Amino acid sequence: MARPLSEAKRQAILESATRLVAAMGIGAPTAKIAQGAEIAEGTLFKYFANKDELLNQLYLTLKTELGGAIMQGFIPDASIRERAWHIWSHWINWGAKYPVKRKAMRQLGVSERITPATRQAGSSAFRDVSAAFEQAHALGPLRDQPMAFLSASFEALAETTLEFTARDPERRDAYKQAGFQIFWGGLGS
């Protein structure tokens, strides 16, 4: 009878994959991922059928974690500006706290190895975020632009804000405020 799989080992694999994908991109070898998790490479494949499954699960795990962080304390009936600030603030706080996870998620986000089904599942953690953006978008100066453009702009501005925050942590709050002002100016002014 096969032993049940260990959640601790699965988590160690995902943590190792996060570090290595952030450092090396999606080409990070499974042997190194297994080594970082302190398991044999063959053991990794007891938890994930192949590397694509591992990468897709990692993407989903990171997106779900970020979505949970953003939604913590979210008030759906707050003003649209308050909801946008909440989303922005929590996104920046998570990204600043977990730069390796953010970098890994960025690498995975542009990978063709992440399936459309996984992307769809990952976006489900952001339903309230999307609803808030769509409401502001419909009323804002960029209403004639596609939502995908708005989402990509948000992510690019968040990355810029986080890069400047990493260079100068003392100015984190100032960068977070400035980034939001730029975003809100295009979204909901």
N, C-alpha and C. Protein backbone atom coordinates (compact mmCIF):
# COMPACT_ATOMS: atom_id res chain seq x y z
N MET A 1 0.84 -1.18 0.00
CA MET A 1 0.00 0.00 0.00
C MET A 1 0.89 1.25 0.00
N ALA A 2 0.60 2.18 -0.91
CA ALA A 2 1.40 3.40 -1.04
C ALA A 2 1.16 4.33 0.14
N ARG A 3 2.26 4.96 0.56
CA ARG A 3 2.14 5.93 1.65
C ARG A 3 1.46 7.19 1.13
N PRO A 4 0.67 7.84 1.99
CA PRO A 4 0.04 9.10 1.56
C PRO A 4 1.11 10.17 1.32
N LEU A 5 0.83 11.04 0.40
CA LEU A 5 1.76 12.12 0.10
C LEU A 5 1.76 13.14 1.23
N SER A 6 2.92 13.69 1.49
CA SER A 6 3.10 14.65 2.57
C SER A 6 2.83 16.07 2.08
N GLU A 7 1.95 16.78 2.76
CA GLU A 7 1.68 18.17 2.42
C GLU A 7 2.92 19.02 2.65
N ALA A 8 3.71 18.68 3.66
CA ALA A 8 4.95 19.43 3.93
C ALA A 8 5.93 19.30 2.76
N LYS A 9 6.05 18.10 2.18
CA LYS A 9 6.94 17.92 1.03
C LYS A 9 6.41 18.67 -0.19
N ARG A 10 5.11 18.60 -0.39
CA ARG A 10 4.52 19.32 -1.52
C ARG A 10 4.80 20.82 -1.39
N GLN A 11 4.64 21.34 -0.19
CA GLN A 11 4.88 22.76 0.07
C GLN A 11 6.36 23.09 -0.13
N ALA A 12 7.25 22.20 0.29
CA ALA A 12 8.69 22.42 0.10
C ALA A 12 9.04 22.47 -1.39
N ILE A 13 8.40 21.63 -2.19
CA ILE A 13 8.62 21.64 -3.64
C ILE A 13 8.17 22.97 -4.21
N LEU A 14 6.99 23.43 -3.84
CA LEU A 14 6.47 24.70 -4.35
C LEU A 14 7.35 25.88 -3.92
N GLU A 15 7.85 25.84 -2.68
CA GLU A 15 8.73 26.92 -2.21
C GLU A 15 10.06 26.91 -2.96
N SER A 16 10.60 25.74 -3.18
CA SER A 16 11.84 25.63 -3.95
C SER A 16 11.62 26.10 -5.38
N ALA A 17 10.52 25.69 -5.98
CA ALA A 17 10.20 26.09 -7.35
C ALA A 17 10.03 27.61 -7.43
N THR A 18 9.42 28.20 -6.42
CA THR A 18 9.26 29.66 -6.39
C THR A 18 10.61 30.34 -6.45
N ARG A 19 11.52 29.92 -5.59
CA ARG A 19 12.86 30.54 -5.54
C ARG A 19 13.59 30.37 -6.87
N LEU A 20 13.53 29.17 -7.42
CA LEU A 20 14.30 28.89 -8.64
C LEU A 20 13.66 29.51 -9.89
N VAL A 21 12.35 29.53 -9.97
CA VAL A 21 11.71 30.19 -11.11
C VAL A 21 11.99 31.69 -11.05
N ALA A 22 11.97 32.26 -9.86
CA ALA A 22 12.29 33.68 -9.72
C ALA A 22 13.72 33.96 -10.17
N ALA A 23 14.64 33.07 -9.83
CA ALA A 23 16.06 33.28 -10.15
C ALA A 23 16.43 32.88 -11.57
N MET A 24 15.83 31.78 -12.07
CA MET A 24 16.26 31.20 -13.34
C MET A 24 15.20 31.22 -14.44
N GLY A 25 13.99 31.60 -14.10
CA GLY A 25 12.90 31.53 -15.06
C GLY A 25 12.31 30.13 -15.09
N ILE A 26 11.41 29.90 -16.04
CA ILE A 26 10.72 28.61 -16.09
C ILE A 26 11.63 27.47 -16.55
N GLY A 27 12.83 27.82 -16.99
CA GLY A 27 13.80 26.79 -17.38
C GLY A 27 14.51 26.16 -16.20
N ALA A 28 14.17 26.57 -14.99
CA ALA A 28 14.79 26.00 -13.80
C ALA A 28 14.64 24.48 -13.83
N PRO A 29 15.74 23.73 -13.72
CA PRO A 29 15.65 22.27 -13.81
C PRO A 29 14.92 21.64 -12.62
N THR A 30 14.16 20.61 -12.90
CA THR A 30 13.44 19.92 -11.81
C THR A 30 14.43 19.30 -10.82
N ALA A 31 15.62 18.93 -11.29
CA ALA A 31 16.63 18.37 -10.37
C ALA A 31 17.00 19.40 -9.31
N LYS A 32 17.16 20.66 -9.73
CA LYS A 32 17.50 21.72 -8.76
C LYS A 32 16.31 22.02 -7.85
N ILE A 33 15.11 21.98 -8.42
CA ILE A 33 13.92 22.21 -7.60
C ILE A 33 13.82 21.14 -6.52
N ALA A 34 14.03 19.88 -6.91
CA ALA A 34 13.99 18.78 -5.95
C ALA A 34 15.09 18.94 -4.91
N GLN A 35 16.28 19.30 -5.35
CA GLN A 35 17.40 19.49 -4.43
C GLN A 35 17.07 20.59 -3.41
N GLY A 36 16.47 21.69 -3.89
CA GLY A 36 16.08 22.77 -2.98
C GLY A 36 15.00 22.37 -1.99
N ALA A 37 14.20 21.39 -2.37
CA ALA A 37 13.15 20.87 -1.48
C ALA A 37 13.67 19.73 -0.60
N GLU A 38 14.94 19.38 -0.81
CA GLU A 38 15.60 18.30 -0.07
C GLU A 38 14.90 16.95 -0.27
N ILE A 39 14.58 16.69 -1.54
CA ILE A 39 13.99 15.40 -1.91
C ILE A 39 14.69 14.91 -3.17
N ALA A 40 14.50 13.65 -3.49
CA ALA A 40 15.03 13.11 -4.74
C ALA A 40 14.15 13.61 -5.90
N GLU A 41 14.76 13.75 -7.08
CA GLU A 41 14.01 14.25 -8.23
C GLU A 41 12.81 13.35 -8.53
N GLY A 42 12.98 12.05 -8.39
CA GLY A 42 11.87 11.13 -8.63
C GLY A 42 10.70 11.37 -7.69
N THR A 43 11.00 11.79 -6.48
CA THR A 43 9.94 12.08 -5.50
C THR A 43 9.10 13.26 -5.96
N LEU A 44 9.74 14.24 -6.59
CA LEU A 44 9.01 15.40 -7.09
C LEU A 44 7.88 14.95 -8.01
N PHE A 45 8.17 13.93 -8.83
CA PHE A 45 7.17 13.48 -9.80
C PHE A 45 6.09 12.60 -9.19
N LYS A 46 6.19 12.29 -7.91
CA LYS A 46 5.08 11.66 -7.20
C LYS A 46 4.04 12.72 -6.84
N TYR A 47 4.51 13.96 -6.72
CA TYR A 47 3.63 15.07 -6.35
C TYR A 47 3.07 15.81 -7.56
N PHE A 48 3.86 15.87 -8.61
CA PHE A 48 3.47 16.57 -9.84
C PHE A 48 3.85 15.66 -11.00
N ALA A 49 2.91 15.37 -11.86
CA ALA A 49 3.13 14.40 -12.94
C ALA A 49 4.28 14.81 -13.86
N ASN A 50 4.44 16.12 -14.06
CA ASN A 50 5.50 16.62 -14.93
C ASN A 50 5.79 18.07 -14.57
N LYS A 51 6.76 18.64 -15.23
CA LYS A 51 7.15 20.02 -14.90
C LYS A 51 6.03 21.01 -15.21
N ASP A 52 5.30 20.79 -16.30
CA ASP A 52 4.19 21.69 -16.62
C ASP A 52 3.14 21.72 -15.52
N GLU A 53 2.84 20.55 -14.98
CA GLU A 53 1.87 20.51 -13.88
C GLU A 53 2.41 21.28 -12.68
N LEU A 54 3.68 21.12 -12.37
CA LEU A 54 4.31 21.85 -11.26
C LEU A 54 4.21 23.36 -11.50
N LEU A 55 4.57 23.81 -12.69
CA LEU A 55 4.53 25.24 -12.99
C LEU A 55 3.11 25.79 -12.92
N ASN A 56 2.14 25.03 -13.41
CA ASN A 56 0.75 25.47 -13.36
C ASN A 56 0.24 25.53 -11.93
N GLN A 57 0.61 24.56 -11.12
CA GLN A 57 0.20 24.57 -9.72
C GLN A 57 0.86 25.72 -8.96
N LEU A 58 2.11 25.99 -9.28
CA LEU A 58 2.81 27.10 -8.65
C LEU A 58 2.13 28.43 -9.01
N TYR A 59 1.83 28.61 -10.28
CA TYR A 59 1.13 29.82 -10.73
C TYR A 59 -0.18 29.99 -9.97
N LEU A 60 -0.96 28.92 -9.91
CA LEU A 60 -2.25 28.98 -9.23
C LEU A 60 -2.08 29.27 -7.74
N THR A 61 -1.09 28.66 -7.12
CA THR A 61 -0.83 28.89 -5.69
C THR A 61 -0.49 30.36 -5.44
N LEU A 62 0.39 30.91 -6.26
CA LEU A 62 0.81 32.31 -6.07
C LEU A 62 -0.35 33.27 -6.34
N LYS A 63 -1.11 33.03 -7.40
CA LYS A 63 -2.24 33.90 -7.71
C LYS A 63 -3.29 33.84 -6.59
N THR A 64 -3.53 32.66 -6.07
CA THR A 64 -4.51 32.50 -4.99
C THR A 64 -4.04 33.22 -3.74
N GLU A 65 -2.74 33.12 -3.45
CA GLU A 65 -2.19 33.81 -2.27
C GLU A 65 -2.32 35.32 -2.43
N LEU A 66 -1.94 35.85 -3.59
CA LEU A 66 -2.07 37.29 -3.82
C LEU A 66 -3.53 37.72 -3.74
N GLY A 67 -4.41 36.97 -4.37
CA GLY A 67 -5.84 37.30 -4.32
C GLY A 67 -6.36 37.33 -2.89
N GLY A 68 -5.94 36.36 -2.09
CA GLY A 68 -6.36 36.33 -0.68
C GLY A 68 -5.84 37.53 0.09
N ALA A 69 -4.60 37.93 -0.18
CA ALA A 69 -4.01 39.09 0.49
C ALA A 69 -4.77 40.36 0.11
N ILE A 70 -5.12 40.47 -1.15
CA ILE A 70 -5.84 41.67 -1.62
C ILE A 70 -7.23 41.72 -1.01
N MET A 71 -7.90 40.60 -0.91
CA MET A 71 -9.28 40.58 -0.45
C MET A 71 -9.42 40.67 1.07
N GLN A 72 -8.31 40.54 1.79
CA GLN A 72 -8.37 40.63 3.25
C GLN A 72 -8.85 42.03 3.65
N GLY A 73 -9.99 42.09 4.30
CA GLY A 73 -10.56 43.36 4.75
C GLY A 73 -11.24 44.17 3.66
N PHE A 74 -11.41 43.58 2.48
CA PHE A 74 -12.04 44.29 1.36
C PHE A 74 -13.51 44.55 1.67
N ILE A 75 -13.97 45.77 1.42
CA ILE A 75 -15.36 46.13 1.68
C ILE A 75 -16.03 46.38 0.33
N PRO A 76 -16.84 45.41 -0.14
CA PRO A 76 -17.43 45.51 -1.48
C PRO A 76 -18.32 46.72 -1.71
N ASP A 77 -18.92 47.27 -0.63
CA ASP A 77 -19.81 48.41 -0.85
C ASP A 77 -19.15 49.75 -0.51
N ALA A 78 -17.83 49.76 -0.34
CA ALA A 78 -17.11 51.03 -0.16
C ALA A 78 -17.14 51.79 -1.48
N SER A 79 -16.76 53.06 -1.44
CA SER A 79 -16.72 53.84 -2.68
C SER A 79 -15.73 53.19 -3.64
N ILE A 80 -15.88 53.48 -4.92
CA ILE A 80 -15.00 52.88 -5.92
C ILE A 80 -13.55 53.30 -5.68
N ARG A 81 -13.33 54.55 -5.26
CA ARG A 81 -11.97 55.00 -4.99
C ARG A 81 -11.38 54.25 -3.79
N GLU A 82 -12.18 54.05 -2.75
CA GLU A 82 -11.71 53.31 -1.58
C GLU A 82 -11.39 51.86 -1.93
N ARG A 83 -12.23 51.25 -2.76
CA ARG A 83 -11.95 49.88 -3.19
C ARG A 83 -10.69 49.82 -4.03
N ALA A 84 -10.53 50.77 -4.93
CA ALA A 84 -9.32 50.79 -5.77
C ALA A 84 -8.08 50.98 -4.91
N TRP A 85 -8.15 51.88 -3.91
CA TRP A 85 -7.01 52.09 -3.02
C TRP A 85 -6.70 50.81 -2.24
N HIS A 86 -7.73 50.16 -1.75
CA HIS A 86 -7.54 48.91 -1.00
C HIS A 86 -6.81 47.88 -1.87
N ILE A 87 -7.28 47.70 -3.08
CA ILE A 87 -6.66 46.73 -4.00
C ILE A 87 -5.21 47.10 -4.24
N TRP A 88 -4.98 48.35 -4.60
CA TRP A 88 -3.63 48.84 -4.89
C TRP A 88 -2.72 48.65 -3.67
N SER A 89 -3.17 49.12 -2.53
CA SER A 89 -2.36 49.08 -1.32
C SER A 89 -1.99 47.65 -0.92
N HIS A 90 -2.97 46.75 -0.97
CA HIS A 90 -2.69 45.37 -0.58
C HIS A 90 -1.80 44.67 -1.61
N TRP A 91 -1.96 45.00 -2.88
CA TRP A 91 -1.11 44.43 -3.93
C TRP A 91 0.34 44.85 -3.69
N ILE A 92 0.54 46.14 -3.46
CA ILE A 92 1.89 46.67 -3.24
C ILE A 92 2.48 46.08 -1.95
N ASN A 93 1.69 46.00 -0.91
CA ASN A 93 2.20 45.44 0.36
C ASN A 93 2.64 43.98 0.17
N TRP A 94 1.83 43.19 -0.53
CA TRP A 94 2.18 41.78 -0.76
C TRP A 94 3.45 41.69 -1.60
N GLY A 95 3.52 42.46 -2.67
CA GLY A 95 4.68 42.43 -3.55
C GLY A 95 5.95 42.86 -2.85
N ALA A 96 5.85 43.85 -1.95
CA ALA A 96 7.03 44.31 -1.21
C ALA A 96 7.45 43.27 -0.17
N LYS A 97 6.49 42.60 0.42
CA LYS A 97 6.79 41.59 1.44
C LYS A 97 7.35 40.31 0.84
N TYR A 98 6.92 39.97 -0.38
CA TYR A 98 7.31 38.71 -1.01
C TYR A 98 7.90 38.95 -2.41
N PRO A 99 9.06 39.60 -2.48
CA PRO A 99 9.62 39.91 -3.81
C PRO A 99 9.95 38.67 -4.64
N VAL A 100 10.33 37.58 -4.01
CA VAL A 100 10.66 36.37 -4.76
C VAL A 100 9.38 35.76 -5.35
N LYS A 101 8.32 35.73 -4.58
CA LYS A 101 7.04 35.22 -5.09
C LYS A 101 6.54 36.10 -6.22
N ARG A 102 6.68 37.41 -6.07
CA ARG A 102 6.24 38.33 -7.12
C ARG A 102 7.02 38.10 -8.41
N LYS A 103 8.33 37.91 -8.28
CA LYS A 103 9.16 37.70 -9.47
C LYS A 103 8.80 36.36 -10.13
N ALA A 104 8.59 35.33 -9.33
CA ALA A 104 8.21 34.03 -9.88
C ALA A 104 6.86 34.13 -10.59
N MET A 105 5.91 34.83 -9.99
CA MET A 105 4.59 34.98 -10.60
C MET A 105 4.70 35.74 -11.92
N ARG A 106 5.56 36.74 -11.95
CA ARG A 106 5.75 37.50 -13.19
C ARG A 106 6.34 36.60 -14.28
N GLN A 107 7.32 35.75 -13.92
CA GLN A 107 7.91 34.81 -14.88
C GLN A 107 6.85 33.84 -15.40
N LEU A 108 6.07 33.30 -14.49
CA LEU A 108 5.04 32.35 -14.88
C LEU A 108 3.94 33.01 -15.70
N GLY A 109 3.64 34.26 -15.39
CA GLY A 109 2.56 34.97 -16.07
C GLY A 109 2.80 35.17 -17.56
N VAL A 110 4.06 35.19 -17.97
CA VAL A 110 4.36 35.38 -19.39
C VAL A 110 4.72 34.06 -20.08
N SER A 111 4.64 32.97 -19.35
CA SER A 111 5.01 31.67 -19.90
C SER A 111 3.85 31.03 -20.66
N GLU A 112 4.18 30.46 -21.81
CA GLU A 112 3.19 29.72 -22.58
C GLU A 112 2.89 28.36 -21.96
N ARG A 113 3.66 27.98 -20.95
CA ARG A 113 3.43 26.69 -20.30
C ARG A 113 2.26 26.73 -19.31
N ILE A 114 1.81 27.94 -18.99
CA ILE A 114 0.65 28.08 -18.11
C ILE A 114 -0.59 27.99 -18.99
N THR A 115 -1.44 27.03 -18.70
CA THR A 115 -2.59 26.75 -19.57
C THR A 115 -3.68 27.80 -19.40
N PRO A 116 -4.51 27.94 -20.43
CA PRO A 116 -5.67 28.85 -20.30
C PRO A 116 -6.56 28.47 -19.11
N ALA A 117 -6.73 27.19 -18.86
CA ALA A 117 -7.57 26.77 -17.72
C ALA A 117 -6.96 27.23 -16.40
N THR A 118 -5.65 27.14 -16.28
CA THR A 118 -4.97 27.59 -15.06
C THR A 118 -5.09 29.10 -14.92
N ARG A 119 -4.91 29.82 -16.02
CA ARG A 119 -5.06 31.28 -15.98
C ARG A 119 -6.47 31.66 -15.54
N GLN A 120 -7.45 30.95 -16.07
CA GLN A 120 -8.85 31.21 -15.71
C GLN A 120 -9.07 30.94 -14.21
N ALA A 121 -8.55 29.82 -13.73
CA ALA A 121 -8.69 29.49 -12.31
C ALA A 121 -7.98 30.53 -11.45
N GLY A 122 -6.82 30.98 -11.88
CA GLY A 122 -6.07 32.00 -11.14
C GLY A 122 -6.81 33.32 -11.08
N SER A 123 -7.51 33.66 -12.13
CA SER A 123 -8.24 34.93 -12.16
C SER A 123 -9.49 34.90 -11.27
N SER A 124 -9.94 33.72 -10.90
CA SER A 124 -11.15 33.64 -10.06
C SER A 124 -10.91 34.26 -8.68
N ALA A 125 -9.67 34.30 -8.24
CA ALA A 125 -9.35 34.93 -6.96
C ALA A 125 -9.49 36.45 -7.02
N PHE A 126 -9.69 36.98 -8.23
CA PHE A 126 -9.72 38.42 -8.43
C PHE A 126 -11.08 38.91 -8.93
N ARG A 127 -12.13 38.17 -8.67
CA ARG A 127 -13.47 38.57 -9.14
C ARG A 127 -13.88 39.94 -8.64
N ASP A 128 -13.73 40.18 -7.33
CA ASP A 128 -14.13 41.48 -6.77
C ASP A 128 -13.21 42.59 -7.26
N VAL A 129 -11.95 42.26 -7.48
CA VAL A 129 -11.01 43.23 -8.03
C VAL A 129 -11.47 43.62 -9.42
N SER A 130 -11.78 42.64 -10.24
CA SER A 130 -12.23 42.90 -11.61
C SER A 130 -13.52 43.72 -11.61
N ALA A 131 -14.44 43.39 -10.73
CA ALA A 131 -15.71 44.12 -10.67
C ALA A 131 -15.47 45.59 -10.33
N ALA A 132 -14.58 45.85 -9.37
CA ALA A 132 -14.28 47.23 -8.99
C ALA A 132 -13.63 47.98 -10.16
N PHE A 133 -12.69 47.33 -10.83
CA PHE A 133 -12.03 47.98 -11.97
C PHE A 133 -13.00 48.23 -13.11
N GLU A 134 -13.87 47.28 -13.36
CA GLU A 134 -14.83 47.45 -14.45
C GLU A 134 -15.79 48.61 -14.17
N GLN A 135 -16.18 48.75 -12.91
CA GLN A 135 -17.07 49.85 -12.54
C GLN A 135 -16.36 51.19 -12.74
N ALA A 136 -15.13 51.30 -12.26
CA ALA A 136 -14.38 52.55 -12.42
C ALA A 136 -14.06 52.80 -13.89
N HIS A 137 -13.73 51.75 -14.60
CA HIS A 137 -13.38 51.84 -16.01
C HIS A 137 -14.54 52.40 -16.83
N ALA A 138 -15.75 51.97 -16.54
CA ALA A 138 -16.94 52.41 -17.29
C ALA A 138 -17.17 53.91 -17.15
N LEU A 139 -16.70 54.49 -16.04
CA LEU A 139 -16.94 55.91 -15.78
C LEU A 139 -15.72 56.77 -16.06
N GLY A 140 -14.57 56.16 -16.21
CA GLY A 140 -13.32 56.91 -16.28
C GLY A 140 -12.91 57.35 -17.66
N PRO A 141 -11.80 58.09 -17.71
CA PRO A 141 -11.32 58.63 -18.99
C PRO A 141 -10.79 57.58 -19.96
N LEU A 142 -10.51 56.38 -19.48
CA LEU A 142 -10.01 55.32 -20.36
C LEU A 142 -11.10 54.32 -20.73
N ARG A 143 -12.35 54.72 -20.60
CA ARG A 143 -13.46 53.80 -20.84
C ARG A 143 -13.50 53.23 -22.26
N ASP A 144 -12.85 53.91 -23.20
CA ASP A 144 -12.84 53.41 -24.57
C ASP A 144 -11.72 52.39 -24.81
N GLN A 145 -10.89 52.19 -23.82
CA GLN A 145 -9.79 51.23 -23.94
C GLN A 145 -10.25 49.87 -23.39
N PRO A 146 -9.70 48.78 -23.91
CA PRO A 146 -10.09 47.46 -23.40
C PRO A 146 -9.63 47.25 -21.95
N MET A 147 -10.40 46.47 -21.21
CA MET A 147 -10.04 46.15 -19.81
C MET A 147 -8.68 45.48 -19.74
N ALA A 148 -8.33 44.68 -20.73
CA ALA A 148 -7.02 44.02 -20.72
C ALA A 148 -5.91 45.05 -20.70
N PHE A 149 -6.09 46.16 -21.40
CA PHE A 149 -5.11 47.25 -21.39
C PHE A 149 -5.00 47.85 -20.00
N LEU A 150 -6.15 48.07 -19.36
CA LEU A 150 -6.18 48.62 -18.02
C LEU A 150 -5.48 47.68 -17.03
N SER A 151 -5.77 46.40 -17.11
CA SER A 151 -5.15 45.42 -16.22
C SER A 151 -3.64 45.37 -16.41
N ALA A 152 -3.20 45.37 -17.66
CA ALA A 152 -1.76 45.35 -17.94
C ALA A 152 -1.10 46.63 -17.44
N SER A 153 -1.78 47.75 -17.58
CA SER A 153 -1.25 49.03 -17.08
C SER A 153 -1.11 49.00 -15.57
N PHE A 154 -2.13 48.47 -14.90
CA PHE A 154 -2.09 48.34 -13.44
C PHE A 154 -0.88 47.52 -13.02
N GLU A 155 -0.70 46.36 -13.65
CA GLU A 155 0.40 45.48 -13.27
C GLU A 155 1.76 46.13 -13.55
N ALA A 156 1.88 46.84 -14.68
CA ALA A 156 3.13 47.51 -15.00
C ALA A 156 3.43 48.62 -14.00
N LEU A 157 2.42 49.37 -13.63
CA LEU A 157 2.60 50.44 -12.65
C LEU A 157 2.92 49.86 -11.27
N ALA A 158 2.28 48.76 -10.92
CA ALA A 158 2.59 48.11 -9.64
C ALA A 158 4.04 47.62 -9.64
N GLU A 159 4.49 47.03 -10.73
CA GLU A 159 5.89 46.57 -10.83
C GLU A 159 6.85 47.74 -10.69
N THR A 160 6.55 48.85 -11.36
CA THR A 160 7.41 50.03 -11.26
C THR A 160 7.46 50.53 -9.83
N THR A 161 6.31 50.61 -9.19
CA THR A 161 6.23 51.06 -7.81
C THR A 161 7.04 50.15 -6.90
N LEU A 162 6.92 48.84 -7.12
CA LEU A 162 7.64 47.87 -6.29
C LEU A 162 9.15 47.92 -6.55
N GLU A 163 9.56 48.16 -7.78
CA GLU A 163 10.99 48.27 -8.08
C GLU A 163 11.59 49.48 -7.37
N PHE A 164 10.90 50.61 -7.40
CA PHE A 164 11.39 51.80 -6.71
C PHE A 164 11.37 51.60 -5.20
N THR A 165 10.37 50.92 -4.71
CA THR A 165 10.29 50.62 -3.28
C THR A 165 11.47 49.74 -2.85
N ALA A 166 11.82 48.77 -3.67
CA ALA A 166 12.95 47.89 -3.35
C ALA A 166 14.26 48.67 -3.31
N ARG A 167 14.41 49.63 -4.20
CA ARG A 167 15.63 50.45 -4.24
C ARG A 167 15.71 51.41 -3.07
N ASP A 168 14.56 51.90 -2.63
CA ASP A 168 14.52 52.93 -1.59
C ASP A 168 13.36 52.65 -0.63
N PRO A 169 13.53 51.64 0.25
CA PRO A 169 12.43 51.23 1.14
C PRO A 169 11.91 52.34 2.05
N GLU A 170 12.74 53.32 2.34
CA GLU A 170 12.31 54.43 3.20
C GLU A 170 11.16 55.22 2.56
N ARG A 171 11.06 55.16 1.23
CA ARG A 171 10.05 55.93 0.51
C ARG A 171 8.87 55.07 0.07
N ARG A 172 8.74 53.90 0.66
CA ARG A 172 7.68 52.96 0.26
C ARG A 172 6.30 53.60 0.23
N ASP A 173 5.93 54.29 1.30
CA ASP A 173 4.60 54.90 1.35
C ASP A 173 4.44 55.98 0.30
N ALA A 174 5.49 56.77 0.08
CA ALA A 174 5.42 57.83 -0.93
C ALA A 174 5.26 57.23 -2.33
N TYR A 175 6.01 56.16 -2.62
CA TYR A 175 5.87 55.51 -3.92
C TYR A 175 4.49 54.88 -4.08
N LYS A 176 4.01 54.28 -3.00
CA LYS A 176 2.69 53.65 -3.07
C LYS A 176 1.62 54.70 -3.35
N GLN A 177 1.69 55.83 -2.67
CA GLN A 177 0.73 56.91 -2.90
C GLN A 177 0.84 57.47 -4.32
N ALA A 178 2.07 57.71 -4.77
CA ALA A 178 2.28 58.27 -6.11
C ALA A 178 1.78 57.31 -7.19
N GLY A 179 2.10 56.03 -7.03
CA GLY A 179 1.64 55.03 -8.00
C GLY A 179 0.12 55.00 -8.07
N PHE A 180 -0.52 55.07 -6.92
CA PHE A 180 -1.98 55.06 -6.91
C PHE A 180 -2.54 56.30 -7.59
N GLN A 181 -1.93 57.46 -7.34
CA GLN A 181 -2.42 58.70 -7.96
C GLN A 181 -2.34 58.59 -9.49
N ILE A 182 -1.25 58.01 -10.00
CA ILE A 182 -1.12 57.83 -11.44
C ILE A 182 -2.22 56.88 -11.94
N PHE A 183 -2.38 55.77 -11.24
CA PHE A 183 -3.37 54.78 -11.65
C PHE A 183 -4.78 55.36 -11.57
N TRP A 184 -5.11 55.97 -10.46
CA TRP A 184 -6.45 56.51 -10.29
C TRP A 184 -6.74 57.62 -11.30
N GLY A 185 -5.72 58.40 -11.63
CA GLY A 185 -5.89 59.45 -12.64
C GLY A 185 -6.35 58.89 -13.97
N GLY A 186 -5.85 57.73 -14.32
CA GLY A 186 -6.26 57.11 -15.58
C GLY A 186 -7.52 56.28 -15.44
N LEU A 187 -7.76 55.80 -14.24
CA LEU A 187 -8.90 54.89 -14.04
C LEU A 187 -10.19 55.61 -13.74
N GLY A 188 -10.15 56.45 -12.72
CA GLY A 188 -11.43 56.93 -12.23
C GLY A 188 -11.59 58.41 -12.04
N SER A 189 -10.66 59.21 -12.52
CA SER A 189 -10.76 60.65 -12.26
C SER A 189 -11.92 61.25 -12.95
